[in-house]
Protein backbone atom coordinates (compact mmCIF):
# COMPACT_ATOMS: atom_id res chain seq x y z
CA UNK A 1 158.46 65.44 53.04
CA UNK A 2 159.80 62.67 55.27
CA UNK A 3 161.28 63.41 58.70
CA UNK A 4 164.87 62.70 57.64
CA UNK A 5 164.62 65.19 54.78
CA UNK A 6 163.18 67.78 57.16
CA UNK A 7 166.07 67.28 59.58
CA UNK A 8 168.64 67.64 56.80
CA UNK A 9 167.02 70.85 55.59
CA UNK A 10 166.04 72.31 58.96
CA UNK A 11 168.51 75.22 58.87
CA UNK A 12 167.54 76.07 55.29
CA UNK A 13 163.90 76.00 56.38
CA UNK A 14 164.77 78.35 59.23
CA UNK A 15 166.49 80.65 56.74
CA UNK A 16 163.42 80.80 54.49
CA UNK A 17 161.08 81.44 57.43
CA UNK A 18 163.36 84.15 58.80
CA UNK A 19 163.55 85.79 55.37
CA UNK A 20 159.74 85.75 55.16
CA UNK A 21 159.42 87.12 58.68
CA UNK A 22 161.59 90.10 57.78
CA UNK A 23 158.91 91.33 55.37
CA UNK A 24 156.42 91.71 58.22
CA UNK A 25 158.88 93.20 60.70
CA UNK A 26 160.54 95.54 58.21
CA UNK A 27 157.20 97.02 57.24
CA UNK A 28 156.56 98.95 60.43
CA UNK A 29 160.13 100.09 60.94
CA UNK A 30 160.45 101.26 57.33
CA UNK A 31 157.24 103.21 57.82
CA UNK A 32 158.69 104.95 60.89
CA UNK A 33 161.38 106.55 58.72
CA UNK A 34 158.79 107.59 56.11
CA UNK A 35 156.45 109.25 58.65
CA UNK A 36 158.05 112.68 58.25
CA UNK A 37 157.76 112.46 54.45
CA UNK A 38 154.15 111.24 54.61
CA UNK A 39 153.35 114.18 56.92
CA UNK A 40 154.78 116.63 54.39
CA UNK A 41 151.92 118.25 52.39
CA UNK A 42 154.12 118.57 49.28
CA UNK A 43 156.21 115.39 49.21
CA UNK A 44 153.70 113.16 50.99
CA UNK A 45 150.04 113.04 51.96
CA UNK A 46 149.96 115.86 54.53
CA UNK A 47 148.99 113.42 57.28
CA UNK A 48 148.39 114.75 60.79
CA UNK A 49 149.98 113.30 63.96
CA UNK A 50 146.86 111.25 64.75
CA UNK A 51 146.64 109.98 61.14
CA UNK A 52 150.28 108.90 61.34
CA UNK A 53 149.56 107.02 64.56
CA UNK A 54 146.59 105.33 62.92
CA UNK A 55 148.70 104.36 59.90
CA UNK A 56 150.75 102.32 62.37
CA UNK A 57 147.92 101.19 64.62
CA UNK A 58 145.49 100.17 61.87
CA UNK A 59 148.11 97.56 60.95
CA UNK A 60 149.02 96.46 64.46
CA UNK A 61 145.45 96.28 65.79
CA UNK A 62 144.18 94.11 62.92
CA UNK A 63 147.38 92.10 63.16
CA UNK A 64 147.01 91.55 66.90
CA UNK A 65 143.28 90.91 66.77
CA UNK A 66 143.59 88.10 64.21
CA UNK A 67 146.89 86.47 65.21
CA UNK A 68 145.32 83.83 67.39
CA UNK A 69 142.66 83.00 64.83
CA UNK A 70 145.26 82.52 62.11
CA UNK A 71 147.37 80.46 64.50
CA UNK A 72 144.38 78.14 64.94
CA UNK A 73 143.67 78.16 61.19
CA UNK A 74 147.27 77.14 60.50
CA UNK A 75 147.03 74.30 63.02
CA UNK A 76 143.79 73.19 61.36
CA UNK A 77 144.28 73.65 57.60
CA UNK A 78 148.06 73.53 57.26
CA UNK A 79 150.67 76.03 58.38
CA UNK A 80 152.51 76.33 55.08
CA UNK A 81 149.22 76.85 53.20
CA UNK A 82 148.13 79.67 55.52
CA UNK A 83 151.64 81.18 55.49
CA UNK A 84 151.78 81.36 51.70
CA UNK A 85 148.23 82.76 51.50
CA UNK A 86 149.21 85.46 53.98
CA UNK A 87 152.27 86.37 51.90
CA UNK A 88 150.11 86.85 48.79
CA UNK A 89 147.64 89.05 50.67
CA UNK A 90 150.50 91.06 52.16
CA UNK A 91 151.89 91.73 48.67
CA UNK A 92 148.49 92.95 47.39
CA UNK A 93 148.05 95.23 50.41
CA UNK A 94 151.60 96.58 49.97
CA UNK A 95 150.71 97.67 46.43
CA UNK A 96 147.57 99.39 47.73
CA UNK A 97 149.60 101.21 50.41
CA UNK A 98 152.27 102.31 47.95
CA UNK A 99 149.75 104.01 45.69
CA UNK A 100 147.42 105.45 48.37
CA UNK A 101 146.21 108.96 47.45
CA UNK A 102 145.17 110.11 50.93
CA UNK A 103 145.95 109.36 54.59
CA UNK A 104 142.60 107.58 54.89
CA UNK A 105 143.42 105.26 51.98
CA UNK A 106 146.80 104.51 53.52
CA UNK A 107 145.20 103.67 56.87
CA UNK A 108 142.78 101.18 55.25
CA UNK A 109 145.50 99.63 53.08
CA UNK A 110 147.67 99.22 56.16
CA UNK A 111 144.80 97.43 57.91
CA UNK A 112 144.73 94.98 54.98
CA UNK A 113 148.48 94.49 55.40
CA UNK A 114 147.79 93.64 59.05
CA UNK A 115 145.43 90.91 57.87
CA UNK A 116 148.20 89.37 55.75
CA UNK A 117 150.79 89.80 58.49
CA UNK A 118 148.52 88.01 60.99
CA UNK A 119 148.52 84.98 58.69
CA UNK A 120 152.32 85.03 58.30
CA UNK A 121 153.77 85.62 61.75
CA UNK A 122 152.36 82.70 63.84
CA UNK A 123 153.09 80.14 61.13
CA UNK A 124 156.82 80.92 61.08
CA UNK A 125 157.28 80.20 64.78
CA UNK A 126 154.97 77.17 64.86
CA UNK A 127 156.78 75.59 61.87
CA UNK A 128 160.12 76.16 63.61
CA UNK A 129 158.75 74.51 66.76
CA UNK A 130 157.70 71.44 64.75
CA UNK A 131 160.87 71.21 62.64
CA UNK A 132 163.44 71.51 65.44
CA UNK A 133 163.92 69.07 68.28
CA UNK A 134 163.89 70.47 71.85
CA UNK A 135 167.68 70.47 72.17
CA UNK A 136 168.06 72.79 69.16
CA UNK A 137 164.82 74.72 69.49
CA UNK A 138 166.23 77.37 71.82
CA UNK A 139 168.97 78.25 69.35
CA UNK A 140 166.53 78.31 66.42
CA UNK A 141 164.11 80.56 68.30
CA UNK A 142 167.05 82.80 69.22
CA UNK A 143 167.84 83.22 65.52
CA UNK A 144 164.12 83.83 64.80
CA UNK A 145 163.96 86.46 67.53
CA UNK A 146 167.20 87.99 66.29
CA UNK A 147 165.58 88.40 62.87
CA UNK A 148 162.74 90.33 64.52
CA UNK A 149 165.23 92.62 66.23
CA UNK A 150 167.35 92.92 63.10
CA UNK A 151 164.26 93.90 61.10
CA UNK A 152 163.51 96.62 63.64
CA UNK A 153 166.98 98.01 63.04
CA UNK A 154 167.61 97.61 59.30
CA UNK A 155 164.13 98.82 58.38
CA UNK A 156 165.01 102.49 58.96
CA UNK A 157 168.22 102.17 56.91
CA UNK A 158 166.38 100.46 54.06
CA UNK A 159 163.66 103.09 54.20
CA UNK A 160 166.23 105.87 54.17
CA UNK A 161 167.90 104.45 51.07
CA UNK A 162 164.56 104.18 49.28
CA UNK A 163 163.39 107.66 50.25
CA UNK A 164 166.67 109.16 49.07
CA UNK A 165 166.05 107.91 45.53
CA UNK A 166 162.29 107.27 45.21
CA UNK A 167 158.91 108.51 46.44
CA UNK A 168 157.46 107.53 49.83
CA UNK A 169 155.39 104.66 48.37
CA UNK A 170 158.59 102.76 47.57
CA UNK A 171 158.86 101.74 51.24
CA UNK A 172 155.81 99.51 50.65
CA UNK A 173 156.55 98.53 47.07
CA UNK A 174 159.83 96.90 48.13
CA UNK A 175 157.79 94.15 49.83
CA UNK A 176 156.54 92.72 46.53
CA UNK A 177 159.81 91.28 45.09
CA UNK A 178 160.87 90.05 48.53
CA UNK A 179 157.59 88.18 48.89
CA UNK A 180 157.93 86.68 45.41
CA UNK A 181 161.34 85.21 46.31
CA UNK A 182 160.03 83.98 49.66
CA UNK A 183 157.07 82.19 48.06
CA UNK A 184 159.30 80.41 45.57
CA UNK A 185 161.61 79.15 48.32
CA UNK A 186 158.71 78.08 50.55
CA UNK A 187 157.20 75.95 47.81
CA UNK A 188 160.36 73.80 47.66
CA UNK A 189 161.73 73.82 51.21
CA UNK A 190 159.04 74.30 53.86
CA UNK A 191 157.13 71.16 54.92
CA UNK A 192 153.39 71.15 55.57
CA UNK A 193 152.20 70.45 59.12
CA UNK A 194 148.95 70.70 61.07
CA UNK A 195 147.35 69.71 64.36
CA UNK A 196 145.39 66.45 63.86
CA UNK A 197 143.21 67.30 66.87
CA UNK A 198 142.24 70.82 65.86
CA UNK A 199 139.51 72.77 67.64
CA UNK A 200 136.78 75.10 66.44
CA UNK A 201 136.82 78.81 65.68
CA UNK A 202 135.67 81.74 67.81
CA UNK A 203 134.35 84.59 65.63
CA UNK A 204 132.73 86.33 68.63
CA UNK A 205 136.05 86.44 70.48
CA UNK A 206 137.88 87.79 67.43
CA UNK A 207 135.28 90.54 66.98
CA UNK A 208 135.37 91.53 70.67
CA UNK A 209 139.18 91.72 70.70
CA UNK A 210 139.38 93.93 67.61
CA UNK A 211 136.56 96.24 68.72
CA UNK A 212 138.00 96.58 72.23
CA UNK A 213 141.54 97.36 71.06
CA UNK A 214 140.44 99.79 68.33
CA UNK A 215 138.08 101.73 70.62
CA UNK A 216 140.65 101.88 73.44
CA UNK A 217 143.40 103.07 71.08
CA UNK A 218 141.05 105.62 69.54
CA UNK A 219 140.36 107.12 72.96
CA UNK A 220 144.06 107.27 73.86
CA UNK A 221 145.02 108.88 70.55
CA UNK A 222 142.14 111.36 70.89
CA UNK A 223 143.46 112.33 74.33
CA UNK A 224 146.86 113.21 72.92
CA UNK A 225 145.34 114.90 69.88
CA UNK A 226 142.89 117.10 71.82
CA UNK A 227 145.07 117.67 74.86
CA UNK A 228 142.01 117.19 77.12
CA UNK A 229 142.01 113.78 78.77
CA UNK A 230 138.88 114.50 80.83
CA UNK A 231 136.55 115.28 77.93
CA UNK A 232 133.72 112.80 77.20
CA UNK A 233 135.13 112.27 73.67
CA UNK A 234 138.26 110.82 75.30
CA UNK A 235 137.02 109.17 78.49
CA UNK A 236 134.06 107.54 76.72
CA UNK A 237 136.07 105.49 74.19
CA UNK A 238 138.70 104.57 76.78
CA UNK A 239 136.07 103.28 79.22
CA UNK A 240 134.18 101.50 76.44
CA UNK A 241 137.39 99.88 75.19
CA UNK A 242 138.22 98.51 78.66
CA UNK A 243 134.68 97.18 79.09
CA UNK A 244 134.73 95.40 75.72
CA UNK A 245 138.14 93.87 76.51
CA UNK A 246 136.84 92.74 79.92
CA UNK A 247 133.89 91.11 78.14
CA UNK A 248 136.38 89.48 75.75
CA UNK A 249 138.35 87.95 78.65
CA UNK A 250 135.11 86.73 80.29
CA UNK A 251 133.98 85.17 77.01
CA UNK A 252 137.35 83.51 76.32
CA UNK A 253 137.42 81.92 79.78
CA UNK A 254 134.08 80.23 79.13
CA UNK A 255 133.91 79.32 75.45
CA UNK A 256 134.80 75.80 74.31
CA UNK A 257 137.10 76.94 71.49
CA UNK A 258 138.57 80.30 72.55
CA UNK A 259 140.32 82.60 70.08
CA UNK A 260 142.72 83.53 72.88
CA UNK A 261 142.83 80.85 75.56
CA UNK A 262 143.27 82.88 78.75
CA UNK A 263 143.33 79.62 80.75
CA UNK A 264 146.84 78.95 79.45
CA UNK A 265 148.09 81.77 81.65
CA UNK A 266 147.74 79.56 84.71
CA UNK A 267 151.22 78.30 83.81
CA UNK A 268 153.71 80.77 85.39
CA UNK A 269 156.21 80.18 82.58
CA UNK A 270 153.58 81.31 80.09
CA UNK A 271 152.20 84.29 81.99
CA UNK A 272 155.53 85.76 83.11
CA UNK A 273 157.12 85.28 79.69
CA UNK A 274 154.19 86.88 77.85
CA UNK A 275 154.16 89.79 80.32
CA UNK A 276 157.89 90.38 79.79
CA UNK A 277 157.45 90.50 76.00
CA UNK A 278 154.44 92.81 76.21
CA UNK A 279 155.94 95.27 78.66
CA UNK A 280 159.28 95.35 76.82
CA UNK A 281 157.69 96.10 73.45
CA UNK A 282 155.19 98.58 74.93
CA UNK A 283 158.14 100.57 76.21
CA UNK A 284 160.23 100.23 73.05
CA UNK A 285 157.57 100.86 70.38
CA UNK A 286 156.62 104.35 71.47
CA UNK A 287 160.28 105.31 71.81
CA UNK A 288 161.07 104.24 68.24
CA UNK A 289 158.02 106.19 67.07
CA UNK A 290 159.24 109.52 68.45
CA UNK A 291 163.00 109.08 67.96
CA UNK A 292 162.49 109.19 64.20
CA UNK A 293 160.87 112.62 64.55
CA UNK A 294 163.72 113.68 66.81
CA UNK A 295 166.37 112.66 64.30
CA UNK A 296 164.66 114.05 61.20
CA UNK A 297 162.56 117.02 62.38
CA UNK A 298 164.58 118.30 65.35
CA UNK A 299 168.12 117.38 64.26
CA UNK A 300 167.54 117.69 60.50
CA UNK A 301 168.96 114.28 59.54
CA UNK A 302 167.95 112.77 56.22
CA UNK A 303 165.94 109.51 56.24
CA UNK A 304 169.12 107.65 55.26
CA UNK A 305 171.15 109.26 58.05
CA UNK A 306 168.47 108.57 60.64
CA UNK A 307 168.28 104.97 59.42
CA UNK A 308 172.04 104.59 59.82
CA UNK A 309 171.75 105.87 63.40
CA UNK A 310 169.83 102.71 64.32
CA UNK A 311 172.69 100.42 63.21
CA UNK A 312 174.03 100.06 66.79
CA UNK A 313 170.69 98.50 67.70
CA UNK A 314 171.10 96.06 64.79
CA UNK A 315 174.64 95.22 65.87
CA UNK A 316 173.48 94.46 69.41
CA UNK A 317 170.73 92.20 68.08
CA UNK A 318 173.17 90.28 65.87
CA UNK A 319 175.69 89.86 68.66
CA UNK A 320 173.42 88.87 71.53
CA UNK A 321 170.21 87.28 70.16
CA UNK A 322 171.93 84.16 68.84
CA UNK A 323 173.89 83.83 72.10
CA UNK A 324 170.86 84.08 74.39
CA UNK A 325 170.22 80.30 74.36
CA UNK A 326 173.70 79.70 75.79
CA UNK A 327 173.13 82.40 78.40
CA UNK A 328 169.87 80.75 79.43
CA UNK A 329 171.58 77.35 79.80
CA UNK A 330 174.23 78.94 82.01
CA UNK A 331 172.21 81.39 84.11
CA UNK A 332 168.54 80.49 83.59
CA UNK A 333 165.73 82.28 81.74
CA UNK A 334 164.71 84.32 84.78
CA UNK A 335 168.16 85.87 85.23
CA UNK A 336 168.66 86.55 81.50
CA UNK A 337 165.20 88.13 81.04
CA UNK A 338 165.53 90.23 84.18
CA UNK A 339 168.92 91.62 83.20
CA UNK A 340 167.65 92.26 79.66
CA UNK A 341 164.68 94.28 80.91
CA UNK A 342 166.89 96.23 83.32
CA UNK A 343 169.17 97.13 80.39
CA UNK A 344 166.12 98.33 78.44
CA UNK A 345 165.12 100.39 81.50
CA UNK A 346 168.61 101.92 81.66
CA UNK A 347 168.52 102.83 77.97
CA UNK A 348 165.14 104.54 78.35
CA UNK A 349 166.35 106.53 81.36
CA UNK A 350 169.39 107.67 79.35
CA UNK A 351 167.08 109.43 76.86
CA UNK A 352 167.08 112.28 79.40
CA UNK A 353 170.59 113.10 78.13
CA UNK A 354 169.33 113.48 74.53
CA UNK A 355 168.61 117.15 73.75
CA UNK A 356 168.26 119.50 70.79
CA UNK A 357 172.04 119.89 70.47
CA UNK A 358 173.45 116.81 72.24
CA UNK A 359 176.10 114.73 70.39
CA UNK A 360 174.50 112.08 68.19
CA UNK A 361 176.86 109.40 69.49
CA UNK A 362 174.90 109.54 72.77
CA UNK A 363 171.82 108.30 70.91
CA UNK A 364 173.91 105.57 69.24
CA UNK A 365 175.09 104.30 72.64
CA UNK A 366 171.50 104.27 73.92
CA UNK A 367 170.36 102.28 70.88
CA UNK A 368 173.13 99.72 71.49
CA UNK A 369 172.17 99.27 75.16
CA UNK A 370 168.50 99.01 74.25
CA UNK A 371 169.23 96.45 71.53
CA UNK A 372 171.36 94.39 73.94
CA UNK A 373 168.57 94.35 76.49
CA UNK A 374 165.85 93.36 74.01
CA UNK A 375 168.10 90.65 72.53
CA UNK A 376 168.15 89.01 75.97
CA UNK A 377 164.40 89.29 76.56
CA UNK A 378 162.63 88.02 73.47
CA UNK A 379 164.46 84.69 72.77
CA UNK A 380 164.24 83.20 76.30
CA UNK A 381 160.72 84.55 76.84
CA UNK A 382 159.57 83.12 73.50
CA UNK A 383 161.14 79.75 74.28
CA UNK A 384 159.36 79.74 77.66
CA UNK A 385 156.02 80.34 75.91
CA UNK A 386 156.58 77.64 73.29
CA UNK A 387 157.90 75.05 75.75
CA UNK A 388 154.79 75.47 77.92
CA UNK A 389 152.64 73.97 75.13
CA UNK A 390 152.74 70.65 73.24
CA UNK A 391 153.99 70.74 69.66
CA UNK A 392 150.58 70.24 68.10
CA UNK A 393 149.48 73.53 69.67
CA UNK A 394 152.50 75.44 68.38
CA UNK A 395 150.26 77.76 66.36
CA UNK A 396 148.39 78.80 69.49
CA UNK A 397 151.63 79.41 71.39
CA UNK A 398 153.11 81.42 68.55
CA UNK A 399 149.94 83.49 68.33
CA UNK A 400 149.96 84.23 72.08
CA UNK A 401 153.59 85.37 71.85
CA UNK A 402 153.00 87.60 68.84
CA UNK A 403 149.62 88.90 70.01
CA UNK A 404 151.22 90.17 73.20
CA UNK A 405 153.94 91.88 71.20
CA UNK A 406 151.64 93.49 68.64
CA UNK A 407 149.07 94.69 71.20
CA UNK A 408 151.94 96.16 73.18
CA UNK A 409 153.29 97.92 70.06
CA UNK A 410 149.87 99.41 69.25
CA UNK A 411 149.23 100.61 72.79
CA UNK A 412 152.83 101.80 73.22
CA UNK A 413 152.58 103.99 70.12
CA UNK A 414 149.14 105.25 71.19
CA UNK A 415 149.98 105.97 74.83
CA UNK A 416 153.54 107.29 74.50
CA UNK A 417 152.73 109.09 71.25
CA UNK A 418 149.88 110.83 73.06
CA UNK A 419 152.22 111.86 75.87
CA UNK A 420 154.58 113.46 73.35
CA UNK A 421 151.67 115.13 71.54
CA UNK A 422 150.28 116.59 74.78
CA UNK A 423 153.61 118.14 75.81
CA UNK A 424 154.19 119.43 72.28
CA UNK A 425 150.81 121.17 72.11
CA UNK A 426 151.45 122.84 75.46
CA UNK A 427 154.84 124.02 74.24
CA UNK A 428 153.55 125.81 71.11
CA UNK A 429 150.03 126.86 72.12
CA UNK A 430 151.01 130.52 72.65
CA UNK A 431 153.01 130.70 69.41
CA UNK A 432 150.27 129.33 67.14
CA UNK A 433 147.40 131.48 68.46
CA UNK A 434 148.23 134.40 66.13
CA UNK A 435 148.67 132.23 63.03
CA UNK A 436 146.02 131.80 60.29
CA UNK A 437 143.71 128.79 60.77
CA UNK A 438 145.47 126.46 58.33
CA UNK A 439 148.96 127.25 59.59
CA UNK A 440 147.75 127.11 63.21
CA UNK A 441 146.38 123.60 62.75
CA UNK A 442 149.51 122.37 60.95
CA UNK A 443 151.92 123.85 63.51
CA UNK A 444 149.86 122.57 66.44
CA UNK A 445 149.66 118.97 65.24
CA UNK A 446 153.30 117.83 65.22
CA UNK A 447 156.90 118.96 65.46
CA UNK A 448 157.22 118.46 61.71
CA UNK A 449 154.32 120.86 61.17
CA UNK A 450 155.78 123.38 63.62
CA UNK A 451 159.16 123.34 61.87
CA UNK A 452 157.53 123.56 58.43
CA UNK A 453 155.37 126.58 59.34
CA UNK A 454 158.12 128.30 61.35
CA UNK A 455 160.68 128.05 58.56
CA UNK A 456 158.13 129.31 56.03
CA UNK A 457 157.75 132.48 58.15
CA UNK A 458 161.46 133.26 57.86
CA UNK A 459 163.32 134.93 60.77
CA UNK A 460 160.01 135.79 62.43
CA UNK A 461 159.22 132.09 62.75
CA UNK A 462 162.43 131.07 64.54
CA UNK A 463 160.74 131.38 67.94
CA UNK A 464 158.04 128.95 66.80
CA UNK A 465 160.72 126.51 65.57
CA UNK A 466 162.59 126.73 68.89
CA UNK A 467 159.46 126.25 70.98
CA UNK A 468 158.27 123.40 68.74
CA UNK A 469 161.57 121.57 69.17
CA UNK A 470 161.69 122.18 72.91
CA UNK A 471 158.06 121.15 73.38
CA UNK A 472 158.78 117.94 71.50
CA UNK A 473 161.88 117.28 73.61
CA UNK A 474 159.88 117.77 76.83
CA UNK A 475 157.35 115.24 75.56
CA UNK A 476 160.09 112.83 74.50
CA UNK A 477 161.73 112.96 77.94
CA UNK A 478 158.40 112.42 79.71
CA UNK A 479 157.48 109.50 77.43
CA UNK A 480 160.91 107.91 77.91
CA UNK A 481 160.55 108.05 81.71
CA UNK A 482 157.08 106.50 81.46
CA UNK A 483 158.51 103.79 79.18
CA UNK A 484 161.38 103.16 81.62
CA UNK A 485 158.87 102.62 84.42
CA UNK A 486 156.99 100.09 82.27
CA UNK A 487 160.21 98.21 81.41
CA UNK A 488 161.23 98.15 85.09
CA UNK A 489 157.80 96.75 85.97
CA UNK A 490 158.46 94.00 83.42
CA UNK A 491 161.76 93.17 85.12
CA UNK A 492 160.02 92.88 88.49
CA UNK A 493 157.30 90.63 87.01
CA UNK A 494 159.95 88.29 85.61
CA UNK A 495 161.94 88.31 88.85
CA UNK A 496 158.86 87.46 90.87
CA UNK A 497 156.99 84.94 88.70
CA UNK A 498 159.18 83.45 85.98
CA UNK A 499 160.42 80.04 87.20
CA UNK A 500 164.13 79.88 87.89
CA UNK A 501 166.51 77.01 87.34
CA UNK A 502 165.93 73.95 89.46
CA UNK A 503 168.85 72.04 91.00
CA UNK A 504 168.90 68.29 91.39
CA UNK A 505 170.23 66.55 94.53
CA UNK A 506 173.65 66.16 92.93
CA UNK A 507 173.90 69.91 92.62
CA UNK A 508 173.72 69.98 88.84
CA UNK A 509 171.43 72.38 87.07
CA UNK A 510 168.32 70.66 85.81
CA UNK A 511 167.18 71.98 82.46
CA UNK A 512 163.35 72.09 82.38
CA UNK A 513 161.94 69.45 80.03
CA UNK A 514 159.54 70.87 77.44
CA UNK A 515 155.96 69.79 78.09
CA UNK A 516 155.62 67.87 74.86
CA UNK A 517 158.62 65.68 75.74
CA UNK A 518 157.52 64.67 79.24
CA UNK A 519 156.28 61.26 80.18
CA UNK A 520 152.90 60.93 81.95
CA UNK A 521 154.76 60.45 85.23
CA UNK A 522 156.74 63.66 84.74
CA UNK A 523 153.55 65.59 83.96
């Protein structure tokens, strides 16, 4: 495809890539709505709280561990080729997830989906970076980022609609026709591109990153599951995970062809932007994990109703993501990102006003504020990451951006989910002691189990239901405060280290020139 044809079709190409991206983003958010159903022993698989966390983290850890490798593979062998291969693999894994017969099968099928997602995500952003010129790239990335936020929001509504009419596996089966349409459009519209000066691969680095993240997450989830953070079964994996990740960083700083080039973080634009993305999504991911249990288990909303509750978040993403490029031109990336993270912090603090019987409109307002904040973090931070690298390394930049986000999602779910689990177990420990072994285990695992067992006991179980709900709320409030502290830390990182706007002698704002457009003298 010649360059003129690419320029004529660039917005159609963006539309196809955004459509394809929605498959990956929708997957996790659709699953969040289905968690309660999957936990149900009759309607679902009877999954425990830790198995539910692993059904999310098996995807995100494989995804995050392989993003950089697939970014390099796309640069080397062709981004469209790797993108389409990832879509096919994602469709096969979606079928396996839909028809899983046990929580363990679902966890493994989700890991396979993570493999396909890792091939898809970095290619979309790197193709956008190569198709759009610098003057339009900020707007295009804003639309791309808005699609990510929109997927976070419409996933629950889509999942609710599916669960109202079909079985839980339909939330995965829906991916297959969407992927089929996406592949057909890609074949005709998306141009092939690659880096002519590609580097080598780093299998040792990939292995170290996956092992480190999995072991660390396992230890964190075990801590929440057991309620004993000082036991060797918890401290051992956490310490081992940190040591393996430290070895990974040491290896990456010294290898000739790193899977994750830590030396790129010497650029303050890169390091501050990546930190803002990671801290924002760490805070947000865990919150979305437990708010679905709040809406469905504590408040008794249907999956469709709980999905509709997230629409204010979607509205905020639609309104503000596409406008973030204009805000950056006017106020600078530092100011926009800082304000966005402070809005996220405010939203997380406001979760303290959400209780067992609080009006649901309060939660809707919080979702809107949170969506507004995130819509003003991801686009400018992503543009800062991509502009710090030349175009031929777009795959690497895209992978860094998405790796930070996915690692943050995995650790956010693990850490904040464990906080909620610990408070919940403390809240019901006296109530479950007199129950039979099977009922005791079910009620002690999650708020859904506590409500299920308590309601089965009739009037005598109302105390268990009340304590289960209150224990969950205590955990939710504690996790939200922890998440708010993380988001505020992100705002301070951006305020301190993200470069601000420079001003030329004439007093006019100088827009930073992307690295790939500079002359040797400017560099």
